[in-house]
C-alpha cells in the first residue's frame, strides 16, 4: 500500500484481507495511517513518490530478464482483467440506462459529457464511486479526490452575498 489508508471504518473488514503468504509493505507520509486498519510486515514513513522511484530503480538493477518478462505479463493480465471488468460494467449500465428513477450511472454518463477537462472531482459517493470512476476515470494528478464519505464536504474560497440568488451559468 502506498500513500493511503486501507479499508477505513466505513466498510470495515475484520478478517484478513491479504493472501496467507503475502508480504505487506505500507508506505505513507503519515505514520498514524501505517498499519492502522490491518497489520503489515514493514511500514515506511516516507514520501511515496520518491520511495517508489527508488524502489523501481533498485528492482530494475536486480531483476533478471525472465523476472522482468513475468512482471510485464502480470501487468498485461491485470490491465486486460480491468478492461474486461469495465466493459462488463458499461454493458450493465446500458441495461439500466432508461430506468426510472434515474440510475446514477446514467447521471454520470450525462454529466461527464458536460464537464470541462480541468474539472476537479471530489468523490464522496461511497456506493456510487464505481460509476464516477467508470465515466470520469482519474487520470490527472490533483483532479480526483476520494473521501470515505460522511464529511461536511469541500469548500472553495469565495464570497456569497446574503439573500442573493446563486446563479449558474454555462
Protein backbone atom coordinates (compact mmCIF):
# COMPACT_ATOMS: atom_id res chain seq x y z
CA UNK A 1 0.00 0.00 0.00
CA UNK A 2 1.33 3.39 -0.81
CA UNK A 3 0.15 6.83 0.23
CA UNK A 4 -3.26 5.80 1.52
CA UNK A 5 -5.10 4.11 4.32
CA UNK A 6 -6.71 0.78 3.56
CA UNK A 7 -10.34 -0.22 4.14
CA UNK A 8 -11.44 2.51 6.54
CA UNK A 9 -14.15 2.09 9.12
CA UNK A 10 -16.95 2.95 6.66
CA UNK A 11 -16.58 -0.53 5.15
CA UNK A 12 -14.78 -2.47 7.89
CA UNK A 13 -13.25 -5.82 7.08
CA UNK A 14 -12.41 -7.55 10.33
CA UNK A 15 -10.79 -10.62 8.80
CA UNK A 16 -7.55 -10.90 6.92
CA UNK A 17 -7.56 -9.24 3.50
CA UNK A 18 -4.20 -10.47 2.25
CA UNK A 19 -3.14 -13.84 0.87
CA UNK A 20 -1.62 -16.00 3.63
CA UNK A 21 1.88 -15.82 2.15
CA UNK A 22 1.75 -12.13 1.12
CA UNK A 23 4.35 -9.74 2.42
CA UNK A 24 2.72 -6.37 3.05
CA UNK A 25 4.60 -3.07 2.88
CA UNK A 26 2.83 0.20 3.70
CA UNK A 27 4.46 3.49 2.60
CA UNK A 28 2.96 6.76 3.78
CA UNK A 29 3.97 10.22 4.92
CA UNK A 30 1.65 9.89 7.90
CA UNK A 31 2.88 7.35 10.44
CA UNK A 32 -0.59 7.29 12.01
CA UNK A 33 -2.05 5.65 8.88
CA UNK A 34 0.52 2.86 8.62
CA UNK A 35 -1.00 -0.46 9.70
CA UNK A 36 -3.92 1.40 11.28
CA UNK A 37 -6.57 -0.97 9.96
CA UNK A 38 -4.57 -4.08 9.04
CA UNK A 39 -1.17 -5.44 10.09
CA UNK A 40 1.78 -5.03 7.76
CA UNK A 41 5.18 -6.68 7.55
CA UNK A 42 7.00 -3.39 7.00
CA UNK A 43 5.88 0.19 7.47
CA UNK A 44 7.84 3.05 5.92
CA UNK A 45 7.28 6.69 6.84
CA UNK A 46 8.44 8.16 3.58
CA UNK A 47 7.40 10.18 0.55
CA UNK A 48 5.51 7.69 -1.65
CA UNK A 49 6.61 9.19 -4.98
CA UNK A 50 10.34 9.25 -4.27
CA UNK A 51 10.23 5.88 -2.48
CA UNK A 52 8.51 4.17 -5.41
CA UNK A 53 11.01 5.73 -7.84
CA UNK A 54 13.93 4.39 -5.80
CA UNK A 55 12.27 1.01 -5.47
CA UNK A 56 11.71 0.85 -9.25
CA UNK A 57 15.39 1.67 -9.85
CA UNK A 58 16.54 -0.95 -7.36
CA UNK A 59 14.30 -3.61 -8.89
CA UNK A 60 15.42 -2.77 -12.42
CA UNK A 61 19.02 -3.30 -11.31
CA UNK A 62 18.44 -6.75 -9.78
CA UNK A 63 15.62 -8.34 -11.79
CA UNK A 64 16.58 -10.95 -14.35
CA UNK A 65 15.15 -10.74 -17.89
CA UNK A 66 12.87 -13.67 -17.00
CA UNK A 67 11.56 -11.83 -13.94
CA UNK A 68 11.05 -8.66 -15.97
CA UNK A 69 9.10 -10.59 -18.62
CA UNK A 70 6.96 -12.20 -15.91
CA UNK A 71 6.25 -8.78 -14.38
CA UNK A 72 5.24 -7.37 -17.79
CA UNK A 73 2.97 -10.39 -18.34
CA UNK A 74 1.30 -9.88 -14.92
CA UNK A 75 0.79 -6.17 -15.68
CA UNK A 76 -0.77 -7.00 -19.05
CA UNK A 77 -3.02 -9.61 -17.43
CA UNK A 78 -4.17 -7.15 -14.78
CA UNK A 79 -4.83 -4.47 -17.43
CA UNK A 80 -6.84 -6.93 -19.52
CA UNK A 81 -8.91 -8.00 -16.48
CA UNK A 82 -9.54 -4.36 -15.60
CA UNK A 83 -10.67 -3.56 -19.16
CA UNK A 84 -12.91 -6.63 -19.23
CA UNK A 85 -14.50 -5.65 -15.92
CA UNK A 86 -15.07 -2.07 -17.08
CA UNK A 87 -16.64 -3.26 -20.35
CA UNK A 88 -18.91 -5.60 -18.41
CA UNK A 89 -19.95 -2.78 -16.09
CA UNK A 90 -20.69 -0.48 -19.03
CA UNK A 91 -22.89 -3.21 -20.55
CA UNK A 92 -24.80 -3.50 -17.27
CA UNK A 93 -25.17 0.28 -17.26
CA UNK A 94 -26.78 0.12 -20.72
CA UNK A 95 -29.47 -2.18 -19.32
CA UNK A 96 -30.29 0.47 -16.68
CA UNK A 97 -29.87 3.48 -18.95
CA UNK A 98 -33.56 4.31 -19.32
CA UNK A 99 -34.67 3.15 -15.88
CA UNK A 100 -36.94 5.32 -13.75
CA UNK A 101 -35.93 6.61 -11.33
CA UNK A 102 -32.67 7.69 -12.95
CA UNK A 103 -29.78 5.35 -12.19
CA UNK A 104 -26.56 7.01 -11.04
CA UNK A 105 -24.56 5.52 -13.91
CA UNK A 106 -26.80 7.37 -16.40
CA UNK A 107 -26.37 10.56 -14.39
CA UNK A 108 -22.56 10.21 -14.57
CA UNK A 109 -22.68 9.40 -18.28
CA UNK A 110 -24.63 12.60 -18.97
CA UNK A 111 -22.68 14.77 -16.52
CA UNK A 112 -19.30 13.66 -17.83
CA UNK A 113 -20.23 14.74 -21.34
CA UNK A 114 -20.73 18.28 -19.99
CA UNK A 115 -17.64 18.60 -17.80
CA UNK A 116 -14.57 20.52 -18.96
CA UNK A 117 -11.26 18.61 -18.88
CA UNK A 118 -9.96 20.67 -15.94
CA UNK A 119 -12.87 19.69 -13.67
CA UNK A 120 -11.84 18.56 -10.20
CA UNK A 121 -13.86 15.68 -8.76
CA UNK A 122 -14.44 15.29 -5.01
CA UNK A 123 -15.92 11.82 -4.70
CA UNK A 124 -17.88 11.18 -1.51
CA UNK A 125 -20.35 8.89 -3.25
CA UNK A 126 -19.41 5.70 -1.37
CA UNK A 127 -21.52 3.06 -3.12
CA UNK A 128 -21.72 5.11 -6.34
CA UNK A 129 -17.98 5.74 -6.58
CA UNK A 130 -17.51 2.97 -9.17
CA UNK A 131 -19.81 4.80 -11.61
CA UNK A 132 -17.90 8.04 -11.09
CA UNK A 133 -14.61 6.31 -11.85
CA UNK A 134 -16.13 4.46 -14.81
CA UNK A 135 -17.33 7.60 -16.55
CA UNK A 136 -14.73 10.06 -15.28
CA UNK A 137 -11.63 7.98 -14.53
CA UNK A 138 -8.96 9.79 -12.52
CA UNK A 139 -6.15 10.43 -14.99
CA UNK A 140 -4.70 13.80 -13.96
CA UNK A 141 -2.93 14.32 -10.63
CA UNK A 142 -4.87 16.74 -8.45
CA UNK A 143 -8.15 16.27 -10.36
CA UNK A 144 -9.73 13.46 -8.36
CA UNK A 145 -10.09 13.19 -4.60
CA UNK A 146 -11.77 10.27 -2.89
CA UNK A 147 -13.03 10.58 0.66
CA UNK A 148 -14.66 7.95 2.76
CA UNK A 149 -17.95 9.86 2.83
CA UNK A 150 -19.85 11.39 5.66
CA UNK A 151 -17.78 14.55 5.78
CA UNK A 152 -19.20 18.01 5.61
CA UNK A 153 -17.89 18.49 2.10
CA UNK A 154 -15.36 20.75 0.49
CA UNK A 155 -15.44 24.50 0.28
CA UNK A 156 -13.81 26.89 -2.13
CA UNK A 157 -12.70 30.31 -1.11
CA UNK A 158 -15.17 32.90 -2.25
CA UNK A 159 -17.95 35.18 -1.18
CA UNK A 160 -21.70 34.92 -1.48
CA UNK A 161 -23.77 37.92 -0.55
CA UNK A 162 -26.58 37.12 1.87
CA UNK A 163 -30.02 36.86 0.32
CA UNK A 164 -28.55 36.87 -3.19
CA UNK A 165 -29.55 34.06 -5.53
CA UNK A 166 -26.96 31.58 -6.67
CA UNK A 167 -26.62 31.83 -10.43
CA UNK A 168 -25.26 29.03 -12.53
CA UNK A 169 -24.03 29.99 -15.96
CA UNK A 170 -22.60 27.96 -18.79
